[in-house]
Amino acid sequence: TADFENRLSLANKSLASLSQQVTSLQNELTAKNLDYEDQAKKLKNALQILSESESKFNNFKDSMINEMHKTRMELDNAKKKLQENEDELSILRIKDAAFNR
């Protein structure tokens, strides 16, 4: 019986040690899980900010493209008006030259 009690005591000590190890591992896993959840929240937040920034950039880009087209049209209109003025000036010079002969 003494041998049985020794083995039983040793088994109880082993079980207590294993129980401590399991508890320690559970605590470690819980801490890692909380850390992973925190990292996932931060990543989700960063992705949201990135998405918003991309949307703002695309809106800005579209606005700049529209402004560029508007400016191009204004420039084309100004060139046409300049050409009309130059044509009119040429006609006036011809008339002036004919008048002053």
PDB file of N, CA and C in Angstrom:
ATOM      1  N   THR A   1       0.812  -1.201   0.000  1.00  0.00           N
ATOM      2  CA  THR A   1       0.000   0.000   0.000  1.00  0.00           C
ATOM      3  C   THR A   1       0.849   1.256   0.000  1.00  0.00           C
ATOM      4  N   ALA A   2       2.033   1.172   0.642  1.00  0.00           N
ATOM      5  CA  ALA A   2       2.914   2.352   0.660  1.00  0.00           C
ATOM      6  C   ALA A   2       3.352   2.678  -0.760  1.00  0.00           C
ATOM      7  N   ASP A   3       3.630   1.656  -1.536  1.00  0.00           N
ATOM      8  CA  ASP A   3       4.028   1.872  -2.931  1.00  0.00           C
ATOM      9  C   ASP A   3       2.878   2.492  -3.713  1.00  0.00           C
ATOM     10  N   PHE A   4       1.665   2.000  -3.462  1.00  0.00           N
ATOM     11  CA  PHE A   4       0.488   2.538  -4.146  1.00  0.00           C
ATOM     12  C   PHE A   4       0.269   3.997  -3.764  1.00  0.00           C
ATOM     13  N   GLU A   5       0.428   4.318  -2.471  1.00  0.00           N
ATOM     14  CA  GLU A   5       0.255   5.685  -2.003  1.00  0.00           C
ATOM     15  C   GLU A   5       1.311   6.601  -2.601  1.00  0.00           C
ATOM     16  N   ASN A   6       2.540   6.102  -2.721  1.00  0.00           N
ATOM     17  CA  ASN A   6       3.608   6.898  -3.335  1.00  0.00           C
ATOM     18  C   ASN A   6       3.285   7.194  -4.800  1.00  0.00           C
ATOM     19  N   ARG A   7       2.820   6.149  -5.486  1.00  0.00           N
ATOM     20  CA  ARG A   7       2.473   6.337  -6.902  1.00  0.00           C
ATOM     21  C   ARG A   7       1.268   7.269  -7.037  1.00  0.00           C
ATOM     22  N   LEU A   8       0.305   7.129  -6.108  1.00  0.00           N
ATOM     23  CA  LEU A   8      -0.862   8.003  -6.127  1.00  0.00           C
ATOM     24  C   LEU A   8      -0.453   9.445  -5.844  1.00  0.00           C
ATOM     25  N   SER A   9       0.422   9.647  -4.898  1.00  0.00           N
ATOM     26  CA  SER A   9       0.931  10.985  -4.567  1.00  0.00           C
ATOM     27  C   SER A   9       1.684  11.569  -5.754  1.00  0.00           C
ATOM     28  N   LEU A  10       2.520  10.747  -6.375  1.00  0.00           N
ATOM     29  CA  LEU A  10       3.281  11.195  -7.555  1.00  0.00           C
ATOM     30  C   LEU A  10       2.327  11.543  -8.701  1.00  0.00           C
ATOM     31  N   ALA A  11       1.277  10.751  -8.878  1.00  0.00           N
ATOM     32  CA  ALA A  11       0.294  11.015  -9.932  1.00  0.00           C
ATOM     33  C   ALA A  11      -0.439  12.324  -9.644  1.00  0.00           C
ATOM     34  N   ASN A  12      -0.796  12.546  -8.368  1.00  0.00           N
ATOM     35  CA  ASN A  12      -1.462  13.791  -7.987  1.00  0.00           C
ATOM     36  C   ASN A  12      -0.559  14.990  -8.242  1.00  0.00           C
ATOM     37  N   LYS A  13       0.718  14.863  -7.934  1.00  0.00           N
ATOM     38  CA  LYS A  13       1.667  15.954  -8.181  1.00  0.00           C
ATOM     39  C   LYS A  13       1.791  16.213  -9.685  1.00  0.00           C
ATOM     40  N   SER A  14       1.839  15.124 -10.459  1.00  0.00           N
ATOM     41  CA  SER A  14       1.929  15.262 -11.913  1.00  0.00           C
ATOM     42  C   SER A  14       0.685  15.951 -12.459  1.00  0.00           C
ATOM     43  N   LEU A  15      -0.493  15.527 -11.940  1.00  0.00           N
ATOM     44  CA  LEU A  15      -1.742  16.151 -12.380  1.00  0.00           C
ATOM     45  C   LEU A  15      -1.777  17.627 -11.996  1.00  0.00           C
ATOM     46  N   ALA A  16      -1.308  17.958 -10.803  1.00  0.00           N
ATOM     47  CA  ALA A  16      -1.281  19.353 -10.355  1.00  0.00           C
ATOM     48  C   ALA A  16      -0.355  20.165 -11.255  1.00  0.00           C
ATOM     49  N   SER A  17       0.797  19.573 -11.590  1.00  0.00           N
ATOM     50  CA  SER A  17       1.751  20.242 -12.474  1.00  0.00           C
ATOM     51  C   SER A  17       1.148  20.436 -13.865  1.00  0.00           C
ATOM     52  N   LEU A  18       0.500  19.396 -14.390  1.00  0.00           N
ATOM     53  CA  LEU A  18      -0.153  19.504 -15.703  1.00  0.00           C
ATOM     54  C   LEU A  18      -1.275  20.530 -15.672  1.00  0.00           C
ATOM     55  N   SER A  19      -2.017  20.571 -14.583  1.00  0.00           N
ATOM     56  CA  SER A  19      -3.102  21.538 -14.435  1.00  0.00           C
ATOM     57  C   SER A  19      -2.547  22.964 -14.458  1.00  0.00           C
ATOM     58  N   GLN A  20      -1.420  23.183 -13.788  1.00  0.00           N
ATOM     59  CA  GLN A  20      -0.762  24.501 -13.798  1.00  0.00           C
ATOM     60  C   GLN A  20      -0.312  24.864 -15.211  1.00  0.00           C
ATOM     61  N   GLN A  21       0.261  23.883 -15.894  1.00  0.00           N
ATOM     62  CA  GLN A  21       0.723  24.126 -17.259  1.00  0.00           C
ATOM     63  C   GLN A  21      -0.446  24.476 -18.182  1.00  0.00           C
ATOM     64  N   VAL A  22      -1.563  23.732 -18.023  1.00  0.00           N
ATOM     65  CA  VAL A  22      -2.749  23.999 -18.844  1.00  0.00           C
ATOM     66  C   VAL A  22      -3.273  25.395 -18.544  1.00  0.00           C
ATOM     67  N   THR A  23      -3.354  25.765 -17.296  1.00  0.00           N
ATOM     68  CA  THR A  23      -3.822  27.102 -16.907  1.00  0.00           C
ATOM     69  C   THR A  23      -2.898  28.169 -17.478  1.00  0.00           C
ATOM     70  N   SER A  24      -1.608  27.936 -17.386  1.00  0.00           N
ATOM     71  CA  SER A  24      -0.634  28.880 -17.929  1.00  0.00           C
ATOM     72  C   SER A  24      -0.805  29.032 -19.438  1.00  0.00           C
ATOM     73  N   LEU A  25      -0.979  27.908 -20.135  1.00  0.00           N
ATOM     74  CA  LEU A  25      -1.181  27.957 -21.592  1.00  0.00           C
ATOM     75  C   LEU A  25      -2.495  28.650 -21.946  1.00  0.00           C
ATOM     76  N   GLN A  26      -3.538  28.401 -21.141  1.00  0.00           N
ATOM     77  CA  GLN A  26      -4.820  29.069 -21.389  1.00  0.00           C
ATOM     78  C   GLN A  26      -4.668  30.586 -21.239  1.00  0.00           C
ATOM     79  N   ASN A  27      -3.954  30.999 -20.206  1.00  0.00           N
ATOM     80  CA  ASN A  27      -3.726  32.431 -19.995  1.00  0.00           C
ATOM     81  C   ASN A  27      -2.927  33.038 -21.150  1.00  0.00           C
ATOM     82  N   GLU A  28      -1.927  32.315 -21.595  1.00  0.00           N
ATOM     83  CA  GLU A  28      -1.103  32.785 -22.720  1.00  0.00           C
ATOM     84  C   GLU A  28      -1.939  32.891 -23.995  1.00  0.00           C
ATOM     85  N   LEU A  29      -2.767  31.880 -24.246  1.00  0.00           N
ATOM     86  CA  LEU A  29      -3.634  31.911 -25.428  1.00  0.00           C
ATOM     87  C   LEU A  29      -4.650  33.043 -25.352  1.00  0.00           C
ATOM     88  N   THR A  30      -5.186  33.268 -24.168  1.00  0.00           N
ATOM     89  CA  THR A  30      -6.146  34.368 -23.980  1.00  0.00           C
ATOM     90  C   THR A  30      -5.467  35.706 -24.268  1.00  0.00           C
ATOM     91  N   ALA A  31      -4.261  35.876 -23.762  1.00  0.00           N
ATOM     92  CA  ALA A  31      -3.524  37.125 -23.993  1.00  0.00           C
ATOM     93  C   ALA A  31      -3.229  37.307 -25.475  1.00  0.00           C
ATOM     94  N   LYS A  32      -2.798  36.234 -26.140  1.00  0.00           N
ATOM     95  CA  LYS A  32      -2.522  36.317 -27.579  1.00  0.00           C
ATOM     96  C   LYS A  32      -3.789  36.608 -28.362  1.00  0.00           C
ATOM     97  N   ASN A  33      -4.890  35.989 -27.960  1.00  0.00           N
ATOM     98  CA  ASN A  33      -6.167  36.212 -28.635  1.00  0.00           C
ATOM     99  C   ASN A  33      -6.580  37.677 -28.518  1.00  0.00           C
ATOM    100  N   LEU A  34      -6.437  38.239 -27.317  1.00  0.00           N
ATOM    101  CA  LEU A  34      -6.765  39.657 -27.124  1.00  0.00           C
ATOM    102  C   LEU A  34      -5.863  40.539 -27.979  1.00  0.00           C
ATOM    103  N   ASP A  35      -4.586  40.179 -28.051  1.00  0.00           N
ATOM    104  CA  ASP A  35      -3.638  40.930 -28.868  1.00  0.00           C
ATOM    105  C   ASP A  35      -4.021  40.844 -30.348  1.00  0.00           C
ATOM    106  N   TYR A  36      -4.378  39.645 -30.808  1.00  0.00           N
ATOM    107  CA  TYR A  36      -4.786  39.475 -32.208  1.00  0.00           C
ATOM    108  C   TYR A  36      -6.064  40.249 -32.508  1.00  0.00           C
ATOM    109  N   GLU A  37      -7.010  40.246 -31.558  1.00  0.00           N
ATOM    110  CA  GLU A  37      -8.246  41.001 -31.750  1.00  0.00           C
ATOM    111  C   GLU A  37      -7.946  42.502 -31.841  1.00  0.00           C
ATOM    112  N   ASP A  38      -7.037  42.967 -30.992  1.00  0.00           N
ATOM    113  CA  ASP A  38      -6.639  44.380 -31.028  1.00  0.00           C
ATOM    114  C   ASP A  38      -5.972  44.716 -32.356  1.00  0.00           C
ATOM    115  N   GLN A  39      -5.090  43.846 -32.810  1.00  0.00           N
ATOM    116  CA  GLN A  39      -4.426  44.062 -34.105  1.00  0.00           C
ATOM    117  C   GLN A  39      -5.436  44.041 -35.244  1.00  0.00           C
ATOM    118  N   ALA A  40      -6.428  43.152 -35.160  1.00  0.00           N
ATOM    119  CA  ALA A  40      -7.459  43.075 -36.196  1.00  0.00           C
ATOM    120  C   ALA A  40      -8.279  44.363 -36.224  1.00  0.00           C
ATOM    121  N   LYS A  41      -8.615  44.912 -35.051  1.00  0.00           N
ATOM    122  CA  LYS A  41      -9.350  46.180 -34.997  1.00  0.00           C
ATOM    123  C   LYS A  41      -8.520  47.305 -35.605  1.00  0.00           C
ATOM    124  N   LYS A  42      -7.224  47.341 -35.271  1.00  0.00           N
ATOM    125  CA  LYS A  42      -6.347  48.387 -35.813  1.00  0.00           C
ATOM    126  C   LYS A  42      -6.236  48.257 -37.333  1.00  0.00           C
ATOM    127  N   LEU A  43      -6.114  47.025 -37.806  1.00  0.00           N
ATOM    128  CA  LEU A  43      -6.013  46.790 -39.252  1.00  0.00           C
ATOM    129  C   LEU A  43      -7.302  47.197 -39.943  1.00  0.00           C
ATOM    130  N   LYS A  44      -8.435  46.837 -39.346  1.00  0.00           N
ATOM    131  CA  LYS A  44      -9.736  47.215 -39.920  1.00  0.00           C
ATOM    132  C   LYS A  44      -9.859  48.733 -39.981  1.00  0.00           C
ATOM    133  N   ASN A  45      -9.442  49.410 -38.924  1.00  0.00           N
ATOM    134  CA  ASN A  45      -9.481  50.869 -38.880  1.00  0.00           C
ATOM    135  C   ASN A  45      -8.560  51.464 -39.950  1.00  0.00           C
ATOM    136  N   ALA A  46      -7.374  50.899 -40.093  1.00  0.00           N
ATOM    137  CA  ALA A  46      -6.427  51.385 -41.103  1.00  0.00           C
ATOM    138  C   ALA A  46      -6.992  51.183 -42.510  1.00  0.00           C
ATOM    139  N   LEU A  47      -7.639  50.053 -42.742  1.00  0.00           N
ATOM    140  CA  LEU A  47      -8.258  49.791 -44.047  1.00  0.00           C
ATOM    141  C   LEU A  47      -9.396  50.773 -44.321  1.00  0.00           C
ATOM    142  N   GLN A  48     -10.157  51.106 -43.293  1.00  0.00           N
ATOM    143  CA  GLN A  48     -11.242  52.082 -43.448  1.00  0.00           C
ATOM    144  C   GLN A  48     -10.669  53.456 -43.812  1.00  0.00           C
ATOM    145  N   ILE A  49      -9.604  53.849 -43.118  1.00  0.00           N
ATOM    146  CA  ILE A  49      -8.952  55.140 -43.405  1.00  0.00           C
ATOM    147  C   ILE A  49      -8.402  55.132 -44.824  1.00  0.00           C
ATOM    148  N   LEU A  50      -7.797  54.032 -45.218  1.00  0.00           N
ATOM    149  CA  LEU A  50      -7.257  53.909 -46.570  1.00  0.00           C
ATOM    150  C   LEU A  50      -8.365  54.022 -47.603  1.00  0.00           C
ATOM    151  N   SER A  51      -9.476  53.366 -47.352  1.00  0.00           N
ATOM    152  CA  SER A  51     -10.614  53.408 -48.273  1.00  0.00           C
ATOM    153  C   SER A  51     -11.157  54.834 -48.392  1.00  0.00           C
ATOM    154  N   GLU A  52     -11.286  55.513 -47.250  1.00  0.00           N
ATOM    155  CA  GLU A  52     -11.764  56.896 -47.269  1.00  0.00           C
ATOM    156  C   GLU A  52     -10.775  57.801 -48.008  1.00  0.00           C
ATOM    157  N   SER A  53      -9.493  57.592 -47.771  1.00  0.00           N
ATOM    158  CA  SER A  53      -8.476  58.395 -48.444  1.00  0.00           C
ATOM    159  C   SER A  53      -8.503  58.156 -49.949  1.00  0.00           C
ATOM    160  N   GLU A  54      -8.680  56.905 -50.337  1.00  0.00           N
ATOM    161  CA  GLU A  54      -8.747  56.572 -51.759  1.00  0.00           C
ATOM    162  C   GLU A  54      -9.959  57.244 -52.401  1.00  0.00           C
ATOM    163  N   SER A  55     -11.079  57.222 -51.693  1.00  0.00           N
ATOM    164  CA  SER A  55     -12.295  57.858 -52.198  1.00  0.00           C
ATOM    165  C   SER A  55     -12.096  59.363 -52.347  1.00  0.00           C
ATOM    166  N   LYS A  56     -11.503  59.992 -51.331  1.00  0.00           N
ATOM    167  CA  LYS A  56     -11.236  61.437 -51.395  1.00  0.00           C
ATOM    168  C   LYS A  56     -10.278  61.754 -52.536  1.00  0.00           C
ATOM    169  N   PHE A  57      -9.255  60.927 -52.693  1.00  0.00           N
ATOM    170  CA  PHE A  57      -8.293  61.150 -53.778  1.00  0.00           C
ATOM    171  C   PHE A  57      -8.983  61.037 -55.134  1.00  0.00           C
ATOM    172  N   ASN A  58      -9.828  60.009 -55.302  1.00  0.00           N
ATOM    173  CA  ASN A  58     -10.521  59.830 -56.577  1.00  0.00           C
ATOM    174  C   ASN A  58     -11.446  61.000 -56.865  1.00  0.00           C
ATOM    175  N   ASN A  59     -12.130  61.499 -55.839  1.00  0.00           N
ATOM    176  CA  ASN A  59     -12.987  62.665 -56.026  1.00  0.00           C
ATOM    177  C   ASN A  59     -12.160  63.886 -56.423  1.00  0.00           C
ATOM    178  N   PHE A  60     -11.027  64.072 -55.760  1.00  0.00           N
ATOM    179  CA  PHE A  60     -10.138  65.187 -56.080  1.00  0.00           C
ATOM    180  C   PHE A  60      -9.610  65.051 -57.505  1.00  0.00           C
ATOM    181  N   LYS A  61      -9.195  63.845 -57.865  1.00  0.00           N
ATOM    182  CA  LYS A  61      -8.684  63.590 -59.212  1.00  0.00           C
ATOM    183  C   LYS A  61      -9.752  63.901 -60.260  1.00  0.00           C
ATOM    184  N   ASP A  62     -10.969  63.426 -60.034  1.00  0.00           N
ATOM    185  CA  ASP A  62     -12.067  63.700 -60.963  1.00  0.00           C
ATOM    186  C   ASP A  62     -12.329  65.197 -61.077  1.00  0.00           C
ATOM    187  N   SER A  63     -12.277  65.876 -59.949  1.00  0.00           N
ATOM    188  CA  SER A  63     -12.480  67.327 -59.946  1.00  0.00           C
ATOM    189  C   SER A  63     -11.386  68.027 -60.751  1.00  0.00           C
ATOM    190  N   MET A  64     -10.147  67.584 -60.587  1.00  0.00           N
ATOM    191  CA  MET A  64      -9.030  68.189 -61.325  1.00  0.00           C
ATOM    192  C   MET A  64      -9.135  67.904 -62.826  1.00  0.00           C
ATOM    193  N   ILE A  65      -9.587  66.717 -63.173  1.00  0.00           N
ATOM    194  CA  ILE A  65      -9.767  66.377 -64.590  1.00  0.00           C
ATOM    195  C   ILE A  65     -10.860  67.255 -65.196  1.00  0.00           C
ATOM    196  N   ASN A  66     -11.957  67.426 -64.458  1.00  0.00           N
ATOM    197  CA  ASN A  66     -13.028  68.304 -64.941  1.00  0.00           C
ATOM    198  C   ASN A  66     -12.534  69.739 -65.092  1.00  0.00           C
ATOM    199  N   GLU A  67     -11.763  70.196 -64.125  1.00  0.00           N
ATOM    200  CA  GLU A  67     -11.210  71.563 -64.186  1.00  0.00           C
ATOM    201  C   GLU A  67     -10.258  71.699 -65.372  1.00  0.00           C
ATOM    202  N   MET A  68      -9.475  70.652 -65.627  1.00  0.00           N
ATOM    203  CA  MET A  68      -8.552  70.671 -66.755  1.00  0.00           C
ATOM    204  C   MET A  68      -9.328  70.773 -68.072  1.00  0.00           C
ATOM    205  N   HIS A  69     -10.403  69.996 -68.198  1.00  0.00           N
ATOM    206  CA  HIS A  69     -11.213  70.051 -69.421  1.00  0.00           C
ATOM    207  C   HIS A  69     -11.857  71.430 -69.589  1.00  0.00           C
ATOM    208  N   LYS A  70     -12.342  71.979 -68.489  1.00  0.00           N
ATOM    209  CA  LYS A  70     -12.940  73.316 -68.526  1.00  0.00           C
ATOM    210  C   LYS A  70     -11.909  74.348 -68.970  1.00  0.00           C
ATOM    211  N   THR A  71     -10.716  74.270 -68.404  1.00  0.00           N
ATOM    212  CA  THR A  71      -9.650  75.203 -68.763  1.00  0.00           C
ATOM    213  C   THR A  71      -9.237  75.018 -70.219  1.00  0.00           C
ATOM    214  N   ARG A  72      -9.200  73.778 -70.672  1.00  0.00           N
ATOM    215  CA  ARG A  72      -8.858  73.487 -72.076  1.00  0.00           C
ATOM    216  C   ARG A  72      -9.889  74.130 -73.005  1.00  0.00           C
ATOM    217  N   MET A  73     -11.170  74.006 -72.652  1.00  0.00           N
ATOM    218  CA  MET A  73     -12.222  74.608 -73.472  1.00  0.00           C
ATOM    219  C   MET A  73     -12.098  76.134 -73.476  1.00  0.00           C
ATOM    220  N   GLU A  74     -11.823  76.700 -72.319  1.00  0.00           N
ATOM    221  CA  GLU A  74     -11.638  78.153 -72.238  1.00  0.00           C
ATOM    222  C   GLU A  74     -10.446  78.596 -73.083  1.00  0.00           C
ATOM    223  N   LEU A  75      -9.374  77.814 -73.033  1.00  0.00           N
ATOM    224  CA  LEU A  75      -8.187  78.127 -73.843  1.00  0.00           C
ATOM    225  C   LEU A  75      -8.513  78.031 -75.330  1.00  0.00           C
ATOM    226  N   ASP A  76      -9.225  76.980 -75.719  1.00  0.00           N
ATOM    227  CA  ASP A  76      -9.620  76.832 -77.128  1.00  0.00           C
ATOM    228  C   ASP A  76     -10.489  78.002 -77.571  1.00  0.00           C
ATOM    229  N   ASN A  77     -11.436  78.414 -76.723  1.00  0.00           N
ATOM    230  CA  ASN A  77     -12.292  79.559 -77.044  1.00  0.00           C
ATOM    231  C   ASN A  77     -11.468  80.845 -77.156  1.00  0.00           C
ATOM    232  N   ALA A  78     -10.506  81.015 -76.260  1.00  0.00           N
ATOM    233  CA  ALA A  78      -9.650  82.198 -76.310  1.00  0.00           C
ATOM    234  C   ALA A  78      -8.809  82.196 -77.593  1.00  0.00           C
ATOM    235  N   LYS A  79      -8.321  81.024 -77.994  1.00  0.00           N
ATOM    236  CA  LYS A  79      -7.543  80.929 -79.242  1.00  0.00           C
ATOM    237  C   LYS A  79      -8.413  81.296 -80.444  1.00  0.00           C
ATOM    238  N   LYS A  80      -9.659  80.810 -80.444  1.00  0.00           N
ATOM    239  CA  LYS A  80     -10.583  81.140 -81.546  1.00  0.00           C
ATOM    240  C   LYS A  80     -10.839  82.640 -81.590  1.00  0.00           C
ATOM    241  N   LYS A  81     -11.077  83.229 -80.416  1.00  0.00           N
ATOM    242  CA  LYS A  81     -11.325  84.677 -80.355  1.00  0.00           C
ATOM    243  C   LYS A  81     -10.100  85.448 -80.818  1.00  0.00           C
ATOM    244  N   LEU A  82      -8.916  84.999 -80.419  1.00  0.00           N
ATOM    245  CA  LEU A  82      -7.684  85.637 -80.858  1.00  0.00           C
ATOM    246  C   LEU A  82      -7.542  85.546 -82.371  1.00  0.00           C
ATOM    247  N   GLN A  83      -7.834  84.380 -82.926  1.00  0.00           N
ATOM    248  CA  GLN A  83      -7.753  84.208 -84.380  1.00  0.00           C
ATOM    249  C   GLN A  83      -8.752  85.122 -85.079  1.00  0.00           C
ATOM    250  N   GLU A  84      -9.967  85.227 -84.522  1.00  0.00           N
ATOM    251  CA  GLU A  84     -10.972  86.131 -85.102  1.00  0.00           C
ATOM    252  C   GLU A  84     -10.475  87.575 -85.058  1.00  0.00           C
ATOM    253  N   ASN A  85      -9.887  87.973 -83.942  1.00  0.00           N
ATOM    254  CA  ASN A  85      -9.354  89.338 -83.812  1.00  0.00           C
ATOM    255  C   ASN A  85      -8.216  89.579 -84.797  1.00  0.00           C
ATOM    256  N   GLU A  86      -7.338  88.569 -84.944  1.00  0.00           N
ATOM    257  CA  GLU A  86      -6.230  88.713 -85.904  1.00  0.00           C
ATOM    258  C   GLU A  86      -6.762  88.804 -87.326  1.00  0.00           C
ATOM    259  N   ASP A  87      -7.781  87.996 -87.640  1.00  0.00           N
ATOM    260  CA  ASP A  87      -8.393  88.056 -88.977  1.00  0.00           C
ATOM    261  C   ASP A  87      -9.010  89.430 -89.213  1.00  0.00           C
ATOM    262  N   GLU A  88      -9.719  89.934 -88.204  1.00  0.00           N
ATOM    263  CA  GLU A  88     -10.346  91.252 -88.331  1.00  0.00           C
ATOM    264  C   GLU A  88      -9.287  92.339 -88.477  1.00  0.00           C
ATOM    265  N   LEU A  89      -8.201  92.218 -87.743  1.00  0.00           N
ATOM    266  CA  LEU A  89      -7.105  93.186 -87.837  1.00  0.00           C
ATOM    267  C   LEU A  89      -6.482  93.150 -89.225  1.00  0.00           C
ATOM    268  N   SER A  90      -6.304  91.972 -89.774  1.00  0.00           N
ATOM    269  CA  SER A  90      -5.755  91.849 -91.131  1.00  0.00           C
ATOM    270  C   SER A  90      -6.666  92.540 -92.145  1.00  0.00           C
ATOM    271  N   ILE A  91      -7.970  92.328 -91.993  1.00  0.00           N
ATOM    272  CA  ILE A  91      -8.934  92.972 -92.904  1.00  0.00           C
ATOM    273  C   ILE A  91      -8.848  94.487 -92.767  1.00  0.00           C
ATOM    274  N   LEU A  92      -8.773  94.963 -91.535  1.00  0.00           N
ATOM    275  CA  LEU A  92      -8.674  96.409 -91.314  1.00  0.00           C
ATOM    276  C   LEU A  92      -7.382  96.964 -91.900  1.00  0.00           C
ATOM    277  N   ARG A  93      -6.280  96.233 -91.802  1.00  0.00           N
ATOM    278  CA  ARG A  93      -5.000  96.688 -92.378  1.00  0.00           C
ATOM    279  C   ARG A  93      -5.106  96.769 -93.910  1.00  0.00           C
ATOM    280  N   ILE A  94      -5.752  95.735 -94.466  1.00  0.00           N
ATOM    281  CA  ILE A  94      -5.936  95.751 -95.937  1.00  0.00           C
ATOM    282  C   ILE A  94      -6.777  96.942 -96.344  1.00  0.00           C
ATOM    283  N   LYS A  95      -7.884  97.186 -95.628  1.00  0.00           N
ATOM    284  CA  LYS A  95      -8.745  98.335 -95.936  1.00  0.00           C
ATOM    285  C   LYS A  95      -8.000  99.639 -95.759  1.00  0.00           C
ATOM    286  N   ASP A  96      -7.198  99.705 -94.670  1.00  0.00           N
ATOM    287  CA  ASP A  96      -6.430 100.925 -94.398  1.00  0.00           C
ATOM    288  C   ASP A  96      -5.408 101.179 -95.491  1.00  0.00           C
ATOM    289  N   ALA A  97      -4.734 100.105 -95.907  1.00  0.00           N
ATOM    290  CA  ALA A  97      -3.747 100.239 -96.977  1.00  0.00           C
ATOM    291  C   ALA A  97      -4.421 100.669 -98.273  1.00  0.00           C
ATOM    292  N   ALA A  98      -5.574 100.119 -98.553  1.00  0.00           N
ATOM    293  CA  ALA A  98      -6.306 100.498 -99.776  1.00  0.00           C
ATOM    294  C   ALA A  98      -6.803 101.933 -99.693  1.00  0.00           C
ATOM    295  N   PHE A  99      -7.217 102.357 -98.529  1.00  0.00           N
ATOM    296  CA  PHE A  99      -7.734 103.699 -98.333  1.00  0.00           C
ATOM    297  C   PHE A  99      -6.640 104.743 -98.448  1.00  0.00           C
ATOM    298  N   ASN A 100      -5.442 104.408 -97.968  1.00  0.00           N
ATOM    299  CA  ASN A 100      -4.320 105.354 -97.948  1.00  0.00           C
ATOM    300  C   ASN A 100      -3.517 105.372 -99.243  1.00  0.00           C
ATOM    301  N   ARG A 101      -3.912 104.748-100.252  1.00  0.00           N
ATOM    302  CA  ARG A 101      -3.151 104.738-101.518  1.00  0.00           C
ATOM    303  C   ARG A 101      -3.344 105.967-102.292  1.00  0.00           C
TER     304      ARG A 101
END
